[in-house]
Protein backbone atom coordinates (compact mmCIF):
# COMPACT_ATOMS: atom_id res chain seq x y z
CA MET A 1 11.67 17.00 -86.92
CA ASN A 2 14.44 15.46 -84.81
CA LYS A 3 14.11 11.65 -85.00
CA GLU A 4 15.73 11.24 -81.58
CA GLN A 5 13.05 13.30 -79.82
CA GLU A 6 10.02 11.92 -81.60
CA SER A 7 7.82 9.77 -79.48
CA LEU A 8 5.98 6.78 -80.78
CA ILE A 9 2.72 8.69 -80.52
CA SER A 10 3.97 11.58 -82.63
CA ILE A 11 5.23 9.11 -85.25
CA VAL A 12 1.84 7.40 -85.39
CA ASP A 13 0.21 10.84 -85.65
CA PHE A 14 2.54 11.65 -88.55
CA LEU A 15 1.64 8.35 -90.21
CA GLU A 16 -2.04 9.16 -89.86
CA GLU A 17 -1.52 12.62 -91.40
CA THR A 18 0.45 11.09 -94.27
CA LEU A 19 -2.35 8.61 -94.98
CA GLU A 20 -5.00 11.32 -94.80
CA ASP A 21 -3.04 13.60 -97.12
CA ALA A 22 -2.58 10.90 -99.76
CA LYS A 23 -3.88 11.59 -103.25
CA ALA A 24 -7.23 9.87 -103.72
CA ILE A 25 -8.20 7.84 -106.77
CA PRO A 26 -11.83 8.63 -107.58
CA ILE A 27 -14.39 5.88 -108.10
CA VAL A 28 -12.37 3.02 -106.48
CA HIS A 29 -11.93 4.77 -103.13
CA LYS A 30 -8.21 4.12 -103.05
CA ALA A 31 -5.25 6.43 -102.65
CA PHE A 32 -1.63 6.76 -103.79
CA TYR A 33 0.93 6.54 -101.01
CA ASP A 34 4.61 7.21 -101.10
CA LYS A 35 5.90 3.73 -100.32
CA LYS A 36 9.35 4.98 -99.29
CA GLU A 37 7.87 7.54 -96.88
CA LEU A 38 5.53 4.95 -95.31
CA LEU A 39 8.38 2.46 -94.89
CA GLU A 40 10.47 5.14 -93.16
CA ILE A 41 7.61 5.84 -90.75
CA VAL A 42 7.20 2.12 -90.02
CA GLU A 43 10.95 1.90 -89.37
CA GLN A 44 10.74 4.84 -86.95
CA ILE A 45 7.88 3.08 -85.15
CA ARG A 46 9.98 -0.08 -84.88
CA LEU A 47 12.92 1.88 -83.48
CA ARG A 48 10.82 3.70 -80.89
CA TYR A 49 8.45 0.93 -79.90
CA PRO A 50 10.88 -1.28 -77.94
CA GLU A 51 12.25 1.64 -75.90
CA GLU A 52 8.82 2.92 -75.00
CA LEU A 53 7.68 -0.59 -74.20
CA LYS A 54 10.65 -0.94 -71.84
CA GLN A 55 9.76 2.35 -70.18
CA SER A 56 6.14 1.24 -69.76
CA GLN A 57 7.24 -2.08 -68.29
CA TYR A 58 9.55 -0.28 -65.87
CA ILE A 59 6.68 1.94 -64.73
CA ILE A 60 4.38 -1.04 -64.31
CA GLU A 61 7.00 -3.00 -62.34
CA ASN A 62 7.67 -0.08 -60.02
CA ARG A 63 3.98 0.52 -59.56
CA GLN A 64 3.47 -3.07 -58.46
CA LYS A 65 6.52 -2.91 -56.18
CA ILE A 66 5.21 0.26 -54.54
CA LEU A 67 1.75 -1.28 -54.15
CA ASP A 68 3.28 -4.44 -52.68
CA GLU A 69 5.36 -2.45 -50.20
CA ALA A 70 2.36 -0.35 -49.21
CA GLN A 71 0.27 -3.49 -48.73
CA HIS A 72 3.03 -5.04 -46.63
CA GLU A 73 3.23 -1.93 -44.45
CA ALA A 74 -0.55 -1.85 -44.08
CA ASP A 75 -0.60 -5.54 -43.10
CA GLU A 76 2.15 -4.91 -40.55
CA ILE A 77 0.27 -1.95 -39.06
CA ILE A 78 -2.90 -4.04 -38.84
CA ARG A 79 -1.03 -6.91 -37.18
CA LYS A 80 0.64 -4.60 -34.64
CA THR A 81 -2.67 -2.89 -33.90
CA ALA A 82 -4.41 -6.23 -33.41
CA ASP A 83 -1.62 -7.35 -31.06
CA LYS A 84 -1.95 -4.13 -29.08
CA VAL A 85 -5.74 -4.44 -28.89
CA ASN A 86 -5.45 -8.06 -27.75
CA LEU A 87 -2.98 -7.07 -25.08
CA MET A 88 -5.24 -4.28 -23.88
CA LEU A 89 -8.28 -6.55 -23.85
CA ASN A 90 -6.45 -9.24 -21.89
CA GLU A 91 -5.59 -6.68 -19.24
CA HIS A 92 -9.04 -5.17 -19.18
CA GLU A 93 -11.80 -5.88 -16.64
CA ILE A 94 -14.22 -7.02 -19.34
CA THR A 95 -11.88 -9.83 -20.30
CA ARG A 96 -11.50 -10.90 -16.70
CA LYS A 97 -15.26 -11.05 -16.26
CA ALA A 98 -15.69 -12.82 -19.57
CA ASN A 99 -13.13 -15.43 -18.51
CA GLU A 100 -14.97 -15.94 -15.20
CA LYS A 101 -18.28 -16.32 -17.02
CA ALA A 102 -16.72 -18.74 -19.52
CA ALA A 103 -15.36 -20.84 -16.64
CA GLU A 104 -18.81 -20.85 -14.99
CA ILE A 105 -20.49 -21.89 -18.24
CA MET A 106 -17.91 -24.63 -18.76
CA GLU A 107 -18.43 -25.96 -15.24
CA ASN A 108 -22.22 -25.94 -15.71
CA ALA A 109 -21.86 -27.72 -19.04
CA GLN A 110 -19.63 -30.38 -17.47
CA ASN A 111 -22.10 -30.88 -14.61
CA GLU A 112 -24.99 -31.13 -17.05
CA SER A 113 -23.04 -33.62 -19.15
CA ARG A 114 -22.23 -35.72 -16.10
CA ASN A 115 -25.92 -35.67 -15.03
CA MET A 116 -27.04 -36.65 -18.52
CA ARG A 117 -24.58 -39.57 -18.59
CA LEU A 118 -25.85 -40.80 -15.21
CA ALA A 119 -29.47 -40.43 -16.27
CA THR A 120 -28.74 -42.27 -19.52
CA LYS A 121 -27.04 -45.13 -17.67
CA GLU A 122 -29.98 -45.37 -15.25
CA TYR A 123 -32.48 -45.34 -18.14
CA VAL A 124 -30.55 -48.03 -20.05
CA ALA A 125 -30.25 -50.17 -16.88
CA LYS A 126 -34.00 -49.82 -16.14
CA THR A 127 -34.92 -50.56 -19.75
CA LEU A 128 -32.69 -53.64 -19.81
CA ASN A 129 -34.18 -54.84 -16.47
CA ASP A 130 -37.69 -54.32 -17.85
CA LEU A 131 -36.73 -56.19 -21.00
CA GLU A 132 -35.20 -58.98 -18.95
CA ASN A 133 -38.38 -59.26 -16.84
CA THR A 134 -40.55 -59.24 -19.96
CA ILE A 135 -38.42 -61.93 -21.59
CA SER A 136 -38.37 -63.97 -18.37
CA THR A 137 -42.14 -63.73 -18.09
CA ALA A 138 -42.55 -64.68 -21.74
CA LEU A 139 -40.13 -67.59 -21.34
CA GLN A 140 -41.94 -68.79 -18.25
CA LYS A 141 -45.25 -68.60 -20.15
CA VAL A 142 -43.73 -70.58 -23.03
CA ARG A 143 -42.49 -73.25 -20.58
CA ASP A 144 -45.87 -73.41 -18.86
CA ASP A 145 -47.69 -73.68 -22.20
CA LYS A 146 -45.21 -76.35 -23.32
CA ARG A 147 -45.81 -78.38 -20.14
CA SER A 148 -49.56 -78.14 -20.54
CA VAL A 149 -49.30 -79.43 -24.11
CA ASN A 150 -47.22 -82.48 -23.09
C-alpha cells in the first residue's frame, strides 16, 4: 500500500481491520495488539488528517462563497425586478386612478377633520356658556339667600 495515496478513511479502515484481526484472550475479553503497528497507523492518521481537514475547509469556504454570490445575484435580480415593476405601475392607468382616489380621500378627510374641529369648538363654547349661566344662577341664588339671612 502506497502511504502517499492512502486516504484517511482507508487508514481508519485498516486500523479497524487490524483491531478486529487481533488475537483474543479468552475469558477476559481482551486482545493482543501489535503496539508498533498501531502506532504506525496512528502516525499515518496524524499525517493525513491535517491535509484532509484543509481540503474540507477549502470546500466549505468555496461553498459558502458560491452561496453568497448566488444570494447576492438573486437579491440584485429581485431589486431590479421590483424597480421595473414600480416604474411600470407608476406609468399605468391603475396607479393614476389610485392617486386620484387617494387625493379625494385625503381631501374628504381634511374636510371632515375641519368640520369636527369646528363642531368641537362650538360644543365647548356652548358647554362653557351653559356652565357660566349655571354658575351665575347659583351665585345669584347664594347672594339672594345670603341677603335674606341678614
